[in-house]
Amino acid sequence: MDSKIRYFIMLLGVFLSLNTYSICIKNITHFSLYYEIENRNTQHPVPKVQFHSGTVNTHEKKCHAHTNQSGDDWKIYRFDLVKIFKIEDNSQKVLVCQKMVEGIANRLDVRFHRQDNSWWCLDKDDYDD
């Protein structure tokens, strides 16, 4: 019985490492957004690639995980500082929210509420409240 549990845990770990992203940005707005993700993990080994950035279009999701660089061990539990910018018509970037996202298989959903002209950046912990 013990060996079956260990085998299951090992398979689960392999499955997660191949199919789970570290963090996903989901744009639930009608705007194009620019994002910056700073990995703040400090445990040994510190990740070699600590910064990702890019654009995410309307109703699109982009995810980032570990890199293929030698020695860049993937941390399942992450601490990410995420900054979201709205891209204006003149290509200027305006910061709309920033949030420290922490945990396993993180996500950040970005929403804009027209009624009160406010931006919401919600991670999985916000949905648990």
Protein backbone atom coordinates (compact mmCIF):
# COMPACT_ATOMS: atom_id res chain seq x y z
CA MET A 1 0.00 0.00 0.00
CA ASP A 2 2.82 2.41 0.91
CA SER A 3 4.52 1.92 -2.45
CA LYS A 4 1.26 2.66 -4.32
CA ILE A 5 0.87 5.97 -2.48
CA ARG A 6 4.48 6.95 -3.22
CA TYR A 7 4.04 6.00 -6.87
CA PHE A 8 0.84 8.06 -7.09
CA ILE A 9 2.53 11.09 -5.49
CA MET A 10 5.45 10.78 -7.90
CA LEU A 11 3.11 10.61 -10.92
CA LEU A 12 1.12 13.56 -9.63
CA GLY A 13 4.33 15.60 -9.29
CA VAL A 14 5.38 14.77 -12.85
CA PHE A 15 1.91 15.65 -14.14
CA LEU A 16 1.93 18.99 -12.33
CA SER A 17 5.41 19.88 -13.53
CA LEU A 18 4.43 19.22 -17.14
CA ASN A 19 0.94 20.68 -17.16
CA THR A 20 0.79 23.44 -14.57
CA TYR A 21 1.91 26.96 -15.22
CA SER A 22 3.41 29.05 -12.47
CA ILE A 23 1.25 32.09 -13.17
CA CYS A 24 -1.41 33.14 -15.67
CA ILE A 25 -2.71 36.61 -16.52
CA LYS A 26 -6.31 36.62 -17.74
CA ASN A 27 -7.58 39.80 -19.41
CA ILE A 28 -11.35 40.05 -18.85
CA THR A 29 -11.58 43.57 -20.30
CA HIS A 30 -12.05 45.29 -23.65
CA PHE A 31 -8.55 46.82 -23.47
CA SER A 32 -5.09 45.62 -24.44
CA LEU A 33 -2.92 45.27 -21.36
CA TYR A 34 0.81 45.17 -20.72
CA TYR A 35 2.01 43.15 -17.73
CA GLU A 36 5.21 42.72 -15.75
CA ILE A 37 5.79 39.70 -13.51
CA GLU A 38 8.66 39.79 -11.05
CA ASN A 39 9.42 36.46 -9.38
CA ARG A 40 10.36 37.24 -5.78
CA ASN A 41 11.32 33.71 -4.70
CA THR A 42 14.36 33.87 -2.44
CA GLN A 43 14.74 30.23 -1.44
CA HIS A 44 17.73 28.34 -2.78
CA PRO A 45 18.15 28.06 -5.71
CA VAL A 46 16.99 31.53 -6.70
CA PRO A 47 15.39 31.43 -10.18
CA LYS A 48 17.69 32.63 -12.97
CA VAL A 49 14.82 34.24 -14.88
CA GLN A 50 13.00 36.48 -12.44
CA PHE A 51 11.14 38.76 -14.85
CA HIS A 52 8.52 38.22 -17.54
CA SER A 53 6.60 40.88 -19.45
CA GLY A 54 4.30 41.04 -22.41
CA THR A 55 0.94 42.09 -23.73
CA VAL A 56 -2.35 40.32 -23.36
CA ASN A 57 -5.21 41.22 -25.69
CA THR A 58 -8.92 41.47 -24.97
CA HIS A 59 -10.30 38.27 -23.41
CA GLU A 60 -6.96 36.49 -23.72
CA LYS A 61 -4.92 34.53 -21.18
CA LYS A 62 -1.12 34.21 -21.10
CA CYS A 63 0.83 31.95 -18.79
CA HIS A 64 4.46 31.66 -17.72
CA ALA A 65 6.26 28.80 -16.06
CA HIS A 66 9.84 27.75 -15.50
CA THR A 67 12.44 28.23 -18.21
CA ASN A 68 14.56 25.67 -19.99
CA GLN A 69 17.77 27.30 -18.78
CA SER A 70 20.19 24.98 -17.04
CA GLY A 71 19.92 25.27 -13.26
CA ASP A 72 16.65 27.21 -13.33
CA ASP A 73 14.77 24.91 -11.00
CA TRP A 74 11.05 25.47 -11.03
CA LYS A 75 9.52 26.50 -7.76
CA ILE A 76 5.99 25.20 -7.36
CA TYR A 77 5.25 27.72 -4.62
CA ARG A 78 5.88 31.22 -5.96
CA PHE A 79 5.86 34.82 -4.81
CA ASP A 80 5.16 37.07 -7.81
CA LEU A 81 4.75 40.84 -7.93
CA VAL A 82 2.47 41.52 -10.89
CA LYS A 83 1.93 44.97 -12.40
CA ILE A 84 -0.82 45.56 -14.96
CA PHE A 85 -0.81 48.54 -17.32
CA LYS A 86 -3.53 49.71 -19.70
CA ILE A 87 -2.16 50.52 -23.15
CA GLU A 88 -3.58 53.88 -24.23
CA ASP A 89 -4.29 54.85 -27.85
CA ASN A 90 -0.97 56.75 -28.01
CA SER A 91 0.86 53.55 -26.82
CA GLN A 92 1.47 55.08 -23.40
CA LYS A 93 1.24 52.59 -20.51
CA VAL A 94 -0.79 53.56 -17.44
CA LEU A 95 -0.50 51.46 -14.26
CA VAL A 96 -3.98 50.21 -13.32
CA CYS A 97 -3.11 47.75 -10.56
CA GLN A 98 -0.35 45.80 -8.93
CA LYS A 99 -0.59 42.82 -6.65
CA MET A 100 1.61 40.34 -4.83
CA VAL A 101 0.37 36.91 -5.91
CA GLU A 102 1.50 33.95 -3.85
CA GLY A 103 0.93 30.22 -4.08
CA ILE A 104 0.78 27.27 -6.43
CA ALA A 105 -0.50 27.63 -10.01
CA ASN A 106 -1.27 31.32 -9.55
CA ARG A 107 -3.62 33.35 -11.66
CA LEU A 108 -4.55 37.00 -11.83
CA ASP A 109 -7.86 37.99 -13.40
CA VAL A 110 -7.98 41.61 -14.58
CA ARG A 111 -11.41 43.25 -14.77
CA PHE A 112 -12.63 46.78 -15.49
CA HIS A 113 -15.95 47.99 -14.08
CA ARG A 114 -17.42 50.78 -16.19
CA GLN A 115 -20.06 51.74 -13.60
CA ASP A 116 -17.51 53.13 -11.16
CA ASN A 117 -14.52 53.35 -13.52
CA SER A 118 -12.46 50.96 -11.37
CA TRP A 119 -9.95 48.20 -12.07
CA TRP A 120 -9.94 44.92 -10.19
CA CYS A 121 -7.04 42.51 -10.13
CA LEU A 122 -8.22 39.33 -8.45
CA ASP A 123 -6.16 36.28 -7.58
CA LYS A 124 -7.48 32.91 -6.44
CA ASP A 125 -7.45 34.03 -2.78
CA ASP A 126 -9.91 36.83 -3.60
CA TYR A 127 -12.42 34.28 -4.84
CA ASP A 128 -12.18 32.34 -1.56
CA ASP A 129 -13.34 35.33 0.51
